[in-house]
Amino acid sequence: MLAVKAEGLFKYYKDGTHGKKEVLKNVSIDIEEGEIFGIIGPNGAGKTTLFNVLTGFDPPDAGEWQFDGKDMSRVSAHNMATQGMVRTFQLTKSLTKLSVIENMKLGAANQAGERWWNALFPLRWRVQESLIEQRADALLTRFNMDHMRNEYAGTLSGGQRKLLEMARALMTNPRLVMLDEPMAGVNPALKQNLNDHIRGLRDEGMTVLFIEHDMDMVHDLSDLVVVMSEGLIIAEGTPEQISDNPSVIEAYLGAH
């Protein structure tokens, strides 16, 4: 069964010189449930724009897409997590003045205490709050970050912030996890750790869609890969097929 089906996505941005710039050009992808699906391409290829469209941050100018058979083209970004999908960002979005555990607890969806009328009656939310904290602690232990529980998120290294963001994303119990360059700024010692966690997501039945420049990671993790260049998908296949594709080599290295 398909987890994600996108057809004919187009996206334009205003360009002061040429009027508008085509960033996505008739992009279509199919992602099977339980698959680790990689997106690669040179800078400016449209990869993050595709992520932004699929997560409701940027509406497409044409085309449509579905998640678990449901049309998502009109679902706003802040409602995506309640539909079973969640994303991380190339530049981590941790709240630096809050502790690690507080960042984790913020990731849980549908918290009763967020409604002002419930806030007046603690019995309505204290049990849920306790369960959320238990889940947060379990995830911090899973990601080997329980020793940082009470530290400010702003004191974490770049790699630790990546781990925190991935762990916090799992607070929503997602079925689709979208990772935007999870290895960017991560030291080599943590890369294998992150790889293992991403495999663990698939082992638990989640679908993973990720953007990455680290080709070792792409080969190590991906079931299928699409290659983008100048807003187009120019190749699709297994990591081995992609590596031998002349169009991919040209997009990265130039025709000569």
Protein backbone atom coordinates (compact mmCIF):
# COMPACT_ATOMS: atom_id res chain seq x y z
CA MET A 1 0.00 0.00 0.00
CA LEU A 2 1.20 3.51 -0.79
CA ALA A 3 1.99 5.79 2.14
CA VAL A 4 2.54 8.83 -0.09
CA LYS A 5 1.36 9.51 -3.62
CA ALA A 6 2.16 12.87 -5.24
CA GLU A 7 1.19 13.74 -8.80
CA GLY A 8 2.12 16.68 -11.00
CA LEU A 9 3.40 19.05 -8.32
CA PHE A 10 4.43 22.51 -9.52
CA LYS A 11 5.72 25.36 -7.40
CA TYR A 12 6.68 28.89 -8.47
CA TYR A 13 8.40 31.63 -6.50
CA LYS A 14 8.48 35.29 -7.37
CA ASP A 15 11.69 36.35 -9.08
CA GLY A 16 12.39 40.07 -9.38
CA THR A 17 14.36 39.54 -12.59
CA HIS A 18 12.25 37.02 -14.51
CA GLY A 19 8.83 37.43 -12.90
CA LYS A 20 8.63 33.91 -11.47
CA LYS A 21 10.93 30.98 -10.99
CA GLU A 22 9.81 27.38 -11.41
CA VAL A 23 11.11 25.44 -8.41
CA LEU A 24 9.10 22.22 -8.83
CA LYS A 25 8.26 21.02 -12.34
CA ASN A 26 5.69 18.24 -12.58
CA VAL A 27 7.08 16.22 -9.67
CA SER A 28 5.43 12.85 -9.00
CA ILE A 29 6.51 10.24 -6.42
CA ASP A 30 5.08 7.04 -4.94
CA ILE A 31 6.33 5.84 -1.55
CA GLU A 32 5.37 2.45 -0.18
CA GLU A 33 4.47 1.94 3.47
CA GLY A 34 7.44 0.89 5.59
CA GLU A 35 9.97 2.12 3.05
CA ILE A 36 13.02 4.31 3.59
CA PHE A 37 12.91 6.68 0.64
CA GLY A 38 15.79 9.06 -0.11
CA ILE A 39 15.80 12.33 -2.06
CA ILE A 40 19.14 13.61 -3.33
CA GLY A 41 20.29 16.31 -5.70
CA PRO A 42 22.60 19.31 -5.91
CA ASN A 43 21.87 22.53 -4.03
CA GLY A 44 18.89 24.38 -5.50
CA ALA A 45 17.36 21.22 -6.96
CA GLY A 46 14.01 21.75 -5.18
CA LYS A 47 14.34 19.09 -2.48
CA THR A 48 13.38 21.21 0.53
CA THR A 49 10.65 22.93 -1.48
CA LEU A 50 9.16 19.49 -2.14
CA PHE A 51 9.28 18.81 1.61
CA ASN A 52 7.60 22.16 2.29
CA VAL A 53 4.82 21.37 -0.17
CA LEU A 54 4.24 17.89 1.26
CA THR A 55 4.05 19.27 4.81
CA GLY A 56 1.74 22.20 4.09
CA PHE A 57 4.28 24.99 4.56
CA ASP A 58 4.06 25.97 0.88
CA PRO A 59 0.90 25.21 -1.12
CA PRO A 60 1.63 23.85 -4.61
CA ASP A 61 0.63 25.93 -7.62
CA ALA A 62 -0.58 22.76 -9.31
CA GLY A 63 -0.83 19.07 -8.54
CA GLU A 64 -2.06 17.05 -5.58
CA TRP A 65 -0.79 14.56 -3.05
CA GLN A 66 -2.16 11.95 -0.71
CA PHE A 67 -1.06 10.41 2.57
CA ASP A 68 -2.55 7.01 3.43
CA GLY A 69 -5.09 7.58 0.65
CA LYS A 70 -6.28 10.93 2.05
CA ASP A 71 -5.99 14.15 0.07
CA MET A 72 -3.58 16.42 1.95
CA SER A 73 -3.51 19.41 -0.39
CA ARG A 74 -5.79 21.46 1.87
CA VAL A 75 -4.39 20.37 5.25
CA SER A 76 -2.49 23.17 7.00
CA ALA A 77 1.04 22.69 8.31
CA HIS A 78 0.03 22.81 11.98
CA ASN A 79 -2.48 20.00 11.47
CA MET A 80 -0.09 17.62 9.69
CA ALA A 81 1.17 15.96 12.87
CA THR A 82 -2.38 15.03 13.90
CA GLN A 83 -2.71 13.19 10.57
CA GLY A 84 0.21 10.86 11.41
CA MET A 85 3.11 12.59 9.69
CA VAL A 86 5.90 14.68 11.13
CA ARG A 87 9.05 16.38 9.84
CA THR A 88 12.37 17.69 11.05
CA PHE A 89 14.31 20.62 9.60
CA GLN A 90 17.77 21.08 8.16
CA LEU A 91 18.35 23.77 10.81
CA THR A 92 17.11 22.30 14.07
CA LYS A 93 14.15 23.97 15.77
CA SER A 94 14.78 23.17 19.42
CA LEU A 95 13.71 25.80 21.95
CA THR A 96 17.09 26.69 23.38
CA LYS A 97 15.84 28.30 26.64
CA LEU A 98 13.84 25.22 27.60
CA SER A 99 15.26 22.01 28.96
CA VAL A 100 15.55 18.86 26.88
CA ILE A 101 12.62 17.21 28.69
CA GLU A 102 10.47 20.34 28.21
CA ASN A 103 11.26 20.30 24.48
CA MET A 104 10.20 16.66 24.36
CA LYS A 105 6.92 17.23 26.18
CA LEU A 106 6.02 20.06 23.80
CA GLY A 107 6.13 17.56 20.95
CA ALA A 108 3.10 15.58 22.17
CA ALA A 109 -0.13 16.28 20.31
CA ASN A 110 -3.64 16.92 21.68
CA GLN A 111 -2.57 17.91 25.18
CA ALA A 112 -5.59 18.68 27.35
CA GLY A 113 -3.71 21.29 29.36
CA GLU A 114 -3.22 23.43 26.24
CA ARG A 115 -6.91 24.41 26.38
CA TRP A 116 -7.41 27.30 28.76
CA TRP A 117 -10.60 25.92 30.27
CA ASN A 118 -8.87 22.64 31.15
CA ALA A 119 -5.96 24.54 32.66
CA LEU A 120 -8.35 25.68 35.40
CA PHE A 121 -9.00 22.07 36.41
CA PRO A 122 -5.66 20.24 36.94
CA LEU A 123 -7.31 16.85 37.40
CA ARG A 124 -8.25 16.97 33.71
CA TRP A 125 -4.65 17.08 32.52
CA ARG A 126 -2.31 15.84 35.23
CA VAL A 127 -2.71 12.15 34.39
CA GLN A 128 -2.07 12.85 30.70
CA GLU A 129 0.89 15.06 31.62
CA SER A 130 2.42 12.20 33.60
CA LEU A 131 1.98 9.77 30.68
CA ILE A 132 3.53 12.28 28.26
CA GLU A 133 6.55 12.69 30.55
CA GLN A 134 6.96 8.92 30.81
CA ARG A 135 6.96 8.61 27.01
CA ALA A 136 9.44 11.49 26.70
CA ASP A 137 11.80 9.85 29.19
CA ALA A 138 11.55 6.51 27.37
CA LEU A 139 12.46 8.19 24.06
CA LEU A 140 15.37 10.07 25.63
CA THR A 141 16.69 6.76 26.95
CA ARG A 142 16.25 5.17 23.52
CA PHE A 143 18.26 8.00 21.92
CA ASN A 144 20.93 7.88 24.65
CA MET A 145 20.06 11.39 25.81
CA ASP A 146 18.57 10.69 29.21
CA HIS A 147 21.69 12.13 30.88
CA MET A 148 20.88 15.48 29.17
CA ARG A 149 17.27 15.47 30.42
CA ASN A 150 17.44 18.64 32.48
CA GLU A 151 20.03 20.53 30.42
CA TYR A 152 19.03 23.54 28.35
CA ALA A 153 18.58 22.56 24.70
CA GLY A 154 20.83 25.48 23.77
CA THR A 155 23.80 23.72 25.37
CA LEU A 156 23.55 20.67 23.09
CA SER A 157 25.95 20.04 20.23
CA GLY A 158 24.69 20.05 16.64
CA GLY A 159 24.47 16.27 16.58
CA GLN A 160 22.66 16.13 19.91
CA ARG A 161 20.12 18.66 18.64
CA LYS A 162 19.48 16.39 15.65
CA LEU A 163 18.85 13.50 18.03
CA LEU A 164 16.56 15.65 20.16
CA GLU A 165 14.56 16.77 17.13
CA MET A 166 14.13 13.19 15.91
CA ALA A 167 13.14 11.99 19.38
CA ARG A 168 10.68 14.87 19.80
CA ALA A 169 9.12 14.06 16.42
CA LEU A 170 8.30 10.57 17.69
CA MET A 171 6.23 12.05 20.53
CA THR A 172 3.34 12.30 18.02
CA ASN A 173 3.39 8.54 17.27
CA PRO A 174 3.78 9.22 13.53
CA ARG A 175 3.37 6.80 10.63
CA LEU A 176 5.47 8.94 8.27
CA VAL A 177 8.72 10.62 9.39
CA MET A 178 10.31 13.21 7.07
CA LEU A 179 13.93 14.15 7.78
CA ASP A 180 15.56 17.15 6.09
CA GLU A 181 19.33 16.49 5.95
CA PRO A 182 19.57 14.60 9.26
CA MET A 183 23.36 14.28 8.91
CA ALA A 184 24.07 17.98 8.32
CA GLY A 185 26.46 19.24 11.00
CA VAL A 186 26.71 15.84 12.69
CA ASN A 187 30.16 14.57 13.64
CA PRO A 188 31.19 11.12 12.34
CA ALA A 189 30.86 9.53 15.77
CA LEU A 190 27.11 10.27 15.83
CA LYS A 191 26.34 9.43 12.21
CA GLN A 192 26.18 5.68 12.72
CA ASN A 193 24.03 6.28 15.79
CA LEU A 194 21.56 8.28 13.70
CA ASN A 195 21.59 5.64 10.97
CA ASP A 196 20.65 2.98 13.51
CA HIS A 197 17.79 5.10 14.82
CA ILE A 198 16.43 5.66 11.31
CA ARG A 199 16.50 1.92 10.62
CA GLY A 200 14.69 1.48 13.91
CA LEU A 201 11.84 3.66 12.65
CA ARG A 202 11.31 1.30 9.69
CA ASP A 203 11.57 -1.73 11.96
CA GLU A 204 8.66 -0.28 13.97
CA GLY A 205 6.53 0.03 10.81
CA MET A 206 7.06 3.71 10.05
CA THR A 207 7.73 5.12 6.61
CA VAL A 208 10.78 7.37 6.31
CA LEU A 209 11.36 10.06 3.68
CA PHE A 210 14.65 11.91 3.91
CA ILE A 211 16.79 14.46 2.08
CA GLU A 212 20.53 13.94 2.30
CA HIS A 213 23.87 14.83 0.71
CA ASP A 214 25.81 12.14 2.56
CA MET A 215 25.96 9.44 -0.12
CA ASP A 216 27.29 6.82 2.28
CA MET A 217 24.13 7.24 4.33
CA VAL A 218 21.95 7.14 1.21
CA HIS A 219 23.52 3.83 0.15
CA ASP A 220 23.38 2.46 3.67
CA LEU A 221 19.72 3.23 4.40
CA SER A 222 17.61 3.75 1.29
CA ASP A 223 15.29 1.22 -0.29
CA LEU A 224 14.69 3.63 -3.19
CA VAL A 225 16.12 7.01 -4.15
CA VAL A 226 14.91 9.84 -6.40
CA VAL A 227 17.33 12.38 -7.80
CA MET A 228 16.23 15.98 -8.36
CA SER A 229 17.88 18.64 -10.48
CA GLU A 230 16.49 22.10 -11.29
CA GLY A 231 13.04 21.18 -10.03
CA LEU A 232 12.77 17.93 -11.97
CA ILE A 233 13.08 14.28 -10.99
CA ILE A 234 15.81 13.05 -13.32
CA ALA A 235 16.27 9.51 -11.98
CA GLU A 236 14.69 6.97 -9.64
CA GLY A 237 15.85 3.56 -8.49
CA THR A 238 17.90 1.67 -5.94
CA PRO A 239 21.05 3.34 -4.59
CA GLU A 240 23.16 1.11 -6.86
CA GLN A 241 21.14 2.05 -9.95
CA ILE A 242 21.34 5.74 -9.09
CA SER A 243 25.13 5.64 -8.64
CA ASP A 244 25.62 4.32 -12.18
CA ASN A 245 23.11 6.68 -13.85
CA PRO A 246 24.83 9.09 -16.29
CA SER A 247 22.17 11.78 -15.71
CA VAL A 248 22.91 11.74 -11.99
CA ILE A 249 26.64 11.98 -12.54
CA GLU A 250 26.11 14.91 -14.90
CA ALA A 251 23.81 16.72 -12.45
CA TYR A 252 26.40 16.51 -9.68
CA LEU A 253 29.65 16.85 -11.61
CA GLY A 254 28.72 18.56 -14.89
CA ALA A 255 28.74 17.21 -18.43
CA HIS A 256 32.54 17.24 -18.65
